[in-house]
Amino acid sequence: MQLQQSEELRREKRAIDLFVNLFSGSYQKLDQNDIDYKVFSADGQLIAYAEVSSRVRTMRDAYPLPIQAKKMIKLTDKRLNPVAIWSCEDGIIYAKVKGLTGTVQWEDDEFVMYFEKQKQFKYIRFT
């Protein structure tokens, strides 16, 4: 269990590092009962909030993309450019939440949202 959690945290950190490197930004990890990150611009201004979900698949095989509905609600409640990021084996898939379309299913005592491929999604491979 501990090994699984540390692997998931490693994947999450790798994903957020790649994302903020797009614009020379930075991030701050938030409390475990909150969403994952505050995202800052290169000059240190708060520009977004992000939730990172681990997807142990390649980007090509990652769909539908799952995310806990409660996390998505918390993310959108922040109102400032909410971004969902999925950390895959070979890179990240990300999108601004506004305009995404998905489905919701009850699984393992919680609601989970699923997103099929959409034009809002952007892709970056790990190097």
C-alpha atoms as a PDB file:
ATOM      1  CA  MET A   1       0.000   0.000   0.000  1.00  0.00           C
ATOM      2  CA  GLN A   2       2.786   2.445   0.952  1.00  0.00           C
ATOM      3  CA  LEU A   3       4.707   1.595  -2.232  1.00  0.00           C
ATOM      4  CA  GLN A   4       1.578   2.140  -4.319  1.00  0.00           C
ATOM      5  CA  GLN A   5       0.996   5.569  -2.716  1.00  0.00           C
ATOM      6  CA  SER A   6       4.605   6.668  -3.262  1.00  0.00           C
ATOM      7  CA  GLU A   7       4.451   5.552  -6.914  1.00  0.00           C
ATOM      8  CA  GLU A   8       1.235   7.501  -7.413  1.00  0.00           C
ATOM      9  CA  LEU A   9       2.786  10.613  -5.831  1.00  0.00           C
ATOM     10  CA  ARG A  10       5.830  10.243  -8.094  1.00  0.00           C
ATOM     11  CA  ARG A  11       3.583  10.050 -11.162  1.00  0.00           C
ATOM     12  CA  GLU A  12       1.572  13.056  -9.957  1.00  0.00           C
ATOM     13  CA  LYS A  13       4.715  15.150  -9.394  1.00  0.00           C
ATOM     14  CA  ARG A  14       6.123  14.208 -12.786  1.00  0.00           C
ATOM     15  CA  ALA A  15       2.864  15.305 -14.440  1.00  0.00           C
ATOM     16  CA  ILE A  16       2.603  18.681 -12.668  1.00  0.00           C
ATOM     17  CA  ASP A  17       6.296  19.380 -13.324  1.00  0.00           C
ATOM     18  CA  LEU A  18       5.781  18.777 -17.050  1.00  0.00           C
ATOM     19  CA  PHE A  19       2.633  20.921 -17.097  1.00  0.00           C
ATOM     20  CA  VAL A  20       4.136  24.009 -15.390  1.00  0.00           C
ATOM     21  CA  ASN A  21       7.321  23.737 -17.469  1.00  0.00           C
ATOM     22  CA  LEU A  22       5.169  24.655 -20.497  1.00  0.00           C
ATOM     23  CA  PHE A  23       5.111  28.254 -19.293  1.00  0.00           C
ATOM     24  CA  SER A  24       8.056  28.311 -16.823  1.00  0.00           C
ATOM     25  CA  GLY A  25       5.577  28.363 -13.966  1.00  0.00           C
ATOM     26  CA  SER A  26       5.525  26.806 -10.531  1.00  0.00           C
ATOM     27  CA  TYR A  27       3.034  25.096  -8.235  1.00  0.00           C
ATOM     28  CA  GLN A  28       2.101  24.594  -4.623  1.00  0.00           C
ATOM     29  CA  LYS A  29       0.721  21.316  -3.284  1.00  0.00           C
ATOM     30  CA  LEU A  30      -2.510  21.802  -1.359  1.00  0.00           C
ATOM     31  CA  ASP A  31      -3.938  19.886   1.604  1.00  0.00           C
ATOM     32  CA  GLN A  32      -4.873  16.225   1.020  1.00  0.00           C
ATOM     33  CA  ASN A  33      -8.564  17.097   1.589  1.00  0.00           C
ATOM     34  CA  ASP A  34      -8.447  19.769  -1.106  1.00  0.00           C
ATOM     35  CA  ILE A  35      -7.617  19.566  -4.796  1.00  0.00           C
ATOM     36  CA  ASP A  36      -3.990  18.892  -5.730  1.00  0.00           C
ATOM     37  CA  TYR A  37      -2.293  22.150  -6.774  1.00  0.00           C
ATOM     38  CA  LYS A  38      -2.252  25.907  -7.058  1.00  0.00           C
ATOM     39  CA  VAL A  39      -0.509  26.870 -10.318  1.00  0.00           C
ATOM     40  CA  PHE A  40       1.565  30.044 -10.666  1.00  0.00           C
ATOM     41  CA  SER A  41       2.838  31.930 -13.726  1.00  0.00           C
ATOM     42  CA  ALA A  42       6.533  32.569 -14.358  1.00  0.00           C
ATOM     43  CA  ASP A  43       6.233  35.843 -12.409  1.00  0.00           C
ATOM     44  CA  GLY A  44       4.576  34.149  -9.413  1.00  0.00           C
ATOM     45  CA  GLN A  45       0.939  35.118 -10.042  1.00  0.00           C
ATOM     46  CA  LEU A  46      -1.740  32.561  -9.181  1.00  0.00           C
ATOM     47  CA  ILE A  47      -3.222  31.591 -12.555  1.00  0.00           C
ATOM     48  CA  ALA A  48      -5.001  28.246 -12.081  1.00  0.00           C
ATOM     49  CA  TYR A  49      -5.864  25.278  -9.923  1.00  0.00           C
ATOM     50  CA  ALA A  50      -5.122  21.733 -11.052  1.00  0.00           C
ATOM     51  CA  GLU A  51      -6.177  18.207 -10.182  1.00  0.00           C
ATOM     52  CA  VAL A  52      -3.895  15.365 -11.298  1.00  0.00           C
ATOM     53  CA  SER A  53      -5.258  11.858 -11.804  1.00  0.00           C
ATOM     54  CA  SER A  54      -3.034   8.871 -12.390  1.00  0.00           C
ATOM     55  CA  ARG A  55      -3.828   6.711 -15.420  1.00  0.00           C
ATOM     56  CA  VAL A  56      -1.638   3.592 -15.654  1.00  0.00           C
ATOM     57  CA  ARG A  57      -2.014   3.340 -19.423  1.00  0.00           C
ATOM     58  CA  THR A  58      -0.498   4.976 -22.463  1.00  0.00           C
ATOM     59  CA  MET A  59      -2.120   8.178 -23.712  1.00  0.00           C
ATOM     60  CA  ARG A  60      -3.418   6.267 -26.707  1.00  0.00           C
ATOM     61  CA  ASP A  61      -5.243   3.741 -24.492  1.00  0.00           C
ATOM     62  CA  ALA A  62      -6.228   6.102 -21.664  1.00  0.00           C
ATOM     63  CA  TYR A  63      -9.825   6.802 -22.706  1.00  0.00           C
ATOM     64  CA  PRO A  64     -12.259   7.188 -21.138  1.00  0.00           C
ATOM     65  CA  LEU A  65     -10.401   9.415 -18.654  1.00  0.00           C
ATOM     66  CA  PRO A  66     -11.675   9.003 -15.068  1.00  0.00           C
ATOM     67  CA  ILE A  67     -11.658  11.546 -12.251  1.00  0.00           C
ATOM     68  CA  GLN A  68     -13.479  11.551  -8.927  1.00  0.00           C
ATOM     69  CA  ALA A  69     -16.581  13.726  -9.190  1.00  0.00           C
ATOM     70  CA  LYS A  70     -15.977  15.228  -5.735  1.00  0.00           C
ATOM     71  CA  LYS A  71     -12.518  16.368  -6.869  1.00  0.00           C
ATOM     72  CA  MET A  72     -13.954  17.904 -10.045  1.00  0.00           C
ATOM     73  CA  ILE A  73     -16.538  19.809  -7.985  1.00  0.00           C
ATOM     74  CA  LYS A  74     -13.873  21.140  -5.610  1.00  0.00           C
ATOM     75  CA  LEU A  75     -11.734  22.101  -8.608  1.00  0.00           C
ATOM     76  CA  THR A  76     -14.506  24.046 -10.341  1.00  0.00           C
ATOM     77  CA  ASP A  77     -15.514  25.710  -7.066  1.00  0.00           C
ATOM     78  CA  LYS A  78     -12.094  27.421  -7.089  1.00  0.00           C
ATOM     79  CA  ARG A  79     -13.301  29.259 -10.240  1.00  0.00           C
ATOM     80  CA  LEU A  80      -9.816  30.317 -11.381  1.00  0.00           C
ATOM     81  CA  ASN A  81      -8.950  28.383 -14.559  1.00  0.00           C
ATOM     82  CA  PRO A  82      -9.580  24.844 -13.289  1.00  0.00           C
ATOM     83  CA  VAL A  83      -7.401  22.313 -15.143  1.00  0.00           C
ATOM     84  CA  ALA A  84      -7.654  18.524 -15.057  1.00  0.00           C
ATOM     85  CA  ILE A  85      -4.469  16.571 -15.785  1.00  0.00           C
ATOM     86  CA  TRP A  86      -4.159  12.834 -16.343  1.00  0.00           C
ATOM     87  CA  SER A  87      -0.714  11.350 -15.830  1.00  0.00           C
ATOM     88  CA  CYS A  88      -0.255   8.454 -18.247  1.00  0.00           C
ATOM     89  CA  GLU A  89       2.686   6.100 -18.801  1.00  0.00           C
ATOM     90  CA  ASP A  90       4.087   8.109 -21.712  1.00  0.00           C
ATOM     91  CA  GLY A  91       2.919  11.656 -21.009  1.00  0.00           C
ATOM     92  CA  ILE A  92       0.062  13.825 -19.807  1.00  0.00           C
ATOM     93  CA  ILE A  93      -3.371  14.667 -21.123  1.00  0.00           C
ATOM     94  CA  TYR A  94      -4.801  17.938 -19.851  1.00  0.00           C
ATOM     95  CA  ALA A  95      -7.668  20.335 -20.424  1.00  0.00           C
ATOM     96  CA  LYS A  96      -9.369  23.341 -18.956  1.00  0.00           C
ATOM     97  CA  VAL A  97     -12.501  21.989 -17.323  1.00  0.00           C
ATOM     98  CA  LYS A  98     -14.884  24.521 -18.868  1.00  0.00           C
ATOM     99  CA  GLY A  99     -16.660  22.954 -21.822  1.00  0.00           C
ATOM    100  CA  LEU A 100     -15.765  19.324 -21.140  1.00  0.00           C
ATOM    101  CA  THR A 101     -18.534  16.779 -21.585  1.00  0.00           C
ATOM    102  CA  GLY A 102     -18.583  13.491 -19.723  1.00  0.00           C
ATOM    103  CA  THR A 103     -20.598  10.860 -17.939  1.00  0.00           C
ATOM    104  CA  VAL A 104     -20.938   9.990 -14.271  1.00  0.00           C
ATOM    105  CA  GLN A 105     -21.046   6.500 -12.778  1.00  0.00           C
ATOM    106  CA  TRP A 106     -21.350   5.181  -9.236  1.00  0.00           C
ATOM    107  CA  GLU A 107     -18.275   3.053  -8.452  1.00  0.00           C
ATOM    108  CA  ASP A 108     -16.787   1.846  -5.185  1.00  0.00           C
ATOM    109  CA  ASP A 109     -19.065   4.054  -3.055  1.00  0.00           C
ATOM    110  CA  GLU A 110     -18.411   7.293  -4.954  1.00  0.00           C
ATOM    111  CA  PHE A 111     -19.279   9.074  -8.184  1.00  0.00           C
ATOM    112  CA  VAL A 112     -16.631   8.971 -10.894  1.00  0.00           C
ATOM    113  CA  MET A 113     -16.669  11.146 -14.002  1.00  0.00           C
ATOM    114  CA  TYR A 114     -15.475   9.775 -17.349  1.00  0.00           C
ATOM    115  CA  PHE A 115     -14.397  11.768 -20.380  1.00  0.00           C
ATOM    116  CA  GLU A 116     -14.077  10.444 -23.913  1.00  0.00           C
ATOM    117  CA  LYS A 117     -11.641  12.054 -26.375  1.00  0.00           C
ATOM    118  CA  GLN A 118     -12.528  15.708 -27.040  1.00  0.00           C
ATOM    119  CA  LYS A 119     -10.915  18.560 -28.937  1.00  0.00           C
ATOM    120  CA  GLN A 120     -10.147  20.448 -25.692  1.00  0.00           C
ATOM    121  CA  PHE A 121      -7.623  17.809 -24.620  1.00  0.00           C
ATOM    122  CA  LYS A 122      -3.950  18.578 -25.108  1.00  0.00           C
ATOM    123  CA  TYR A 123      -1.114  16.060 -25.015  1.00  0.00           C
ATOM    124  CA  ILE A 124       2.519  16.248 -23.931  1.00  0.00           C
ATOM    125  CA  ARG A 125       4.906  13.286 -24.002  1.00  0.00           C
ATOM    126  CA  PHE A 126       7.468  12.668 -21.290  1.00  0.00           C
ATOM    127  CA  THR A 127      11.024  12.975 -22.582  1.00  0.00           C
END
